[in-house]
Amino acid sequence: MTEHADLLSEFSERAKTENSATALMEFMVRRLHESMARYNWVGFYLVDPSDPGVLLVGPYVGSFSPNVRIPLDTGLCGAAATNAETVIG
């Protein structure tokens, strides 16, 4: 298996037993950050339930503090969310 496939398998298994989506996301960002040195920041942005035009930072690990709120029409994260596509920058 490739490194990505191994991680995906690990995440799938963990998802079967984790008690919350937040705990699963925290596990995933830690494992990605530990295993893939080329990423200096790994994290999730989630749509703000009280303002669907804004992303809120979720679990993350990395070398810098992210923006806590990002409008959907701003930057790579906003573009990824708006277009429902992965953006690696």
C-alpha atoms as a PDB file:
ATOM      1  CA  MET A   1       0.000   0.000   0.000  1.00  0.00           C
ATOM      2  CA  THR A   2       1.050   3.573  -0.503  1.00  0.00           C
ATOM      3  CA  GLU A   3       1.473   5.964   2.381  1.00  0.00           C
ATOM      4  CA  HIS A   4      -1.817   7.650   1.481  1.00  0.00           C
ATOM      5  CA  ALA A   5      -3.671   4.337   1.245  1.00  0.00           C
ATOM      6  CA  ASP A   6      -2.280   3.229   4.613  1.00  0.00           C
ATOM      7  CA  LEU A   7      -3.449   6.436   6.256  1.00  0.00           C
ATOM      8  CA  LEU A   8      -6.862   6.220   4.627  1.00  0.00           C
ATOM      9  CA  SER A   9      -7.241   2.666   5.915  1.00  0.00           C
ATOM     10  CA  GLU A  10      -6.178   3.776   9.400  1.00  0.00           C
ATOM     11  CA  PHE A  11      -8.705   6.634   9.331  1.00  0.00           C
ATOM     12  CA  SER A  12     -11.493   4.334   8.149  1.00  0.00           C
ATOM     13  CA  GLU A  13     -10.825   1.906  10.991  1.00  0.00           C
ATOM     14  CA  ARG A  14     -10.629   4.702  13.556  1.00  0.00           C
ATOM     15  CA  ALA A  15     -13.931   6.157  12.320  1.00  0.00           C
ATOM     16  CA  LYS A  16     -15.670   2.922  13.321  1.00  0.00           C
ATOM     17  CA  THR A  17     -14.795   3.414  17.000  1.00  0.00           C
ATOM     18  CA  GLU A  18     -14.290   7.156  17.551  1.00  0.00           C
ATOM     19  CA  ASN A  19     -16.944   8.786  19.733  1.00  0.00           C
ATOM     20  CA  SER A  20     -17.246  12.084  17.830  1.00  0.00           C
ATOM     21  CA  ALA A  21     -16.444  13.727  14.516  1.00  0.00           C
ATOM     22  CA  THR A  22     -14.224  16.254  16.321  1.00  0.00           C
ATOM     23  CA  ALA A  23     -12.173  13.503  17.972  1.00  0.00           C
ATOM     24  CA  LEU A  24     -11.759  11.778  14.602  1.00  0.00           C
ATOM     25  CA  MET A  25     -10.649  15.027  12.944  1.00  0.00           C
ATOM     26  CA  GLU A  26      -8.139  15.641  15.781  1.00  0.00           C
ATOM     27  CA  PHE A  27      -6.707  12.147  15.268  1.00  0.00           C
ATOM     28  CA  MET A  28      -6.508  12.635  11.503  1.00  0.00           C
ATOM     29  CA  VAL A  29      -4.678  15.965  11.621  1.00  0.00           C
ATOM     30  CA  ARG A  30      -2.153  14.603  14.137  1.00  0.00           C
ATOM     31  CA  ARG A  31      -1.457  11.499  12.036  1.00  0.00           C
ATOM     32  CA  LEU A  32      -1.157  13.451   8.794  1.00  0.00           C
ATOM     33  CA  HIS A  33       1.166  15.982  10.379  1.00  0.00           C
ATOM     34  CA  GLU A  34       3.326  13.222  11.930  1.00  0.00           C
ATOM     35  CA  SER A  35       3.524  11.092   8.799  1.00  0.00           C
ATOM     36  CA  MET A  36       3.810  13.631   6.011  1.00  0.00           C
ATOM     37  CA  ALA A  37       6.638  16.035   6.700  1.00  0.00           C
ATOM     38  CA  ARG A  38       5.926  18.042   3.549  1.00  0.00           C
ATOM     39  CA  TYR A  39       2.784  19.484   5.186  1.00  0.00           C
ATOM     40  CA  ASN A  40       3.633  22.173   7.734  1.00  0.00           C
ATOM     41  CA  TRP A  41      -0.059  22.656   8.595  1.00  0.00           C
ATOM     42  CA  VAL A  42      -2.964  20.217   8.480  1.00  0.00           C
ATOM     43  CA  GLY A  43      -6.467  21.092   9.542  1.00  0.00           C
ATOM     44  CA  PHE A  44     -10.162  21.351   8.930  1.00  0.00           C
ATOM     45  CA  TYR A  45     -12.366  24.325   8.236  1.00  0.00           C
ATOM     46  CA  LEU A  46     -16.070  23.811   8.830  1.00  0.00           C
ATOM     47  CA  VAL A  47     -19.045  25.861   7.677  1.00  0.00           C
ATOM     48  CA  ASP A  48     -20.278  28.065  10.510  1.00  0.00           C
ATOM     49  CA  PRO A  49     -23.744  26.765  11.433  1.00  0.00           C
ATOM     50  CA  SER A  50     -24.885  30.280  12.357  1.00  0.00           C
ATOM     51  CA  ASP A  51     -23.436  31.898   9.209  1.00  0.00           C
ATOM     52  CA  PRO A  52     -23.139  29.566   6.197  1.00  0.00           C
ATOM     53  CA  GLY A  53     -21.083  32.166   4.328  1.00  0.00           C
ATOM     54  CA  VAL A  54     -18.156  31.676   6.722  1.00  0.00           C
ATOM     55  CA  LEU A  55     -15.748  28.856   7.508  1.00  0.00           C
ATOM     56  CA  LEU A  56     -14.596  28.311  11.093  1.00  0.00           C
ATOM     57  CA  VAL A  57     -11.275  26.685  11.915  1.00  0.00           C
ATOM     58  CA  GLY A  58     -11.675  23.192  13.311  1.00  0.00           C
ATOM     59  CA  PRO A  59      -9.044  20.802  14.601  1.00  0.00           C
ATOM     60  CA  TYR A  60      -5.571  21.561  13.251  1.00  0.00           C
ATOM     61  CA  VAL A  61      -1.878  20.922  13.867  1.00  0.00           C
ATOM     62  CA  GLY A  62       0.934  22.975  12.433  1.00  0.00           C
ATOM     63  CA  SER A  63       3.570  25.607  12.519  1.00  0.00           C
ATOM     64  CA  PHE A  64       1.293  28.642  12.391  1.00  0.00           C
ATOM     65  CA  SER A  65      -2.005  29.845  13.802  1.00  0.00           C
ATOM     66  CA  PRO A  66      -4.719  29.881  11.155  1.00  0.00           C
ATOM     67  CA  ASN A  67      -7.418  32.428  10.534  1.00  0.00           C
ATOM     68  CA  VAL A  68     -10.288  31.569  12.851  1.00  0.00           C
ATOM     69  CA  ARG A  69     -12.961  32.724  10.377  1.00  0.00           C
ATOM     70  CA  ILE A  70     -12.726  32.779   6.583  1.00  0.00           C
ATOM     71  CA  PRO A  71     -15.481  34.111   4.315  1.00  0.00           C
ATOM     72  CA  LEU A  72     -16.386  31.619   1.581  1.00  0.00           C
ATOM     73  CA  ASP A  73     -15.342  34.132  -1.072  1.00  0.00           C
ATOM     74  CA  THR A  74     -11.793  34.462   0.323  1.00  0.00           C
ATOM     75  CA  GLY A  75      -8.609  32.519  -0.348  1.00  0.00           C
ATOM     76  CA  LEU A  76      -7.893  28.864  -1.073  1.00  0.00           C
ATOM     77  CA  CYS A  77     -10.059  27.544   1.744  1.00  0.00           C
ATOM     78  CA  GLY A  78     -13.027  29.604   0.638  1.00  0.00           C
ATOM     79  CA  ALA A  79     -12.506  28.483  -2.964  1.00  0.00           C
ATOM     80  CA  ALA A  80     -12.296  24.818  -1.949  1.00  0.00           C
ATOM     81  CA  ALA A  81     -15.498  25.055   0.081  1.00  0.00           C
ATOM     82  CA  THR A  82     -17.370  27.050  -2.538  1.00  0.00           C
ATOM     83  CA  ASN A  83     -16.386  24.694  -5.381  1.00  0.00           C
ATOM     84  CA  ALA A  84     -16.503  21.491  -3.276  1.00  0.00           C
ATOM     85  CA  GLU A  85     -12.997  20.618  -4.512  1.00  0.00           C
ATOM     86  CA  THR A  86      -9.723  19.876  -2.783  1.00  0.00           C
ATOM     87  CA  VAL A  87      -7.090  22.608  -3.130  1.00  0.00           C
ATOM     88  CA  ILE A  88      -3.491  21.877  -2.178  1.00  0.00           C
ATOM     89  CA  GLY A  89      -1.475  25.032  -1.892  1.00  0.00           C
END
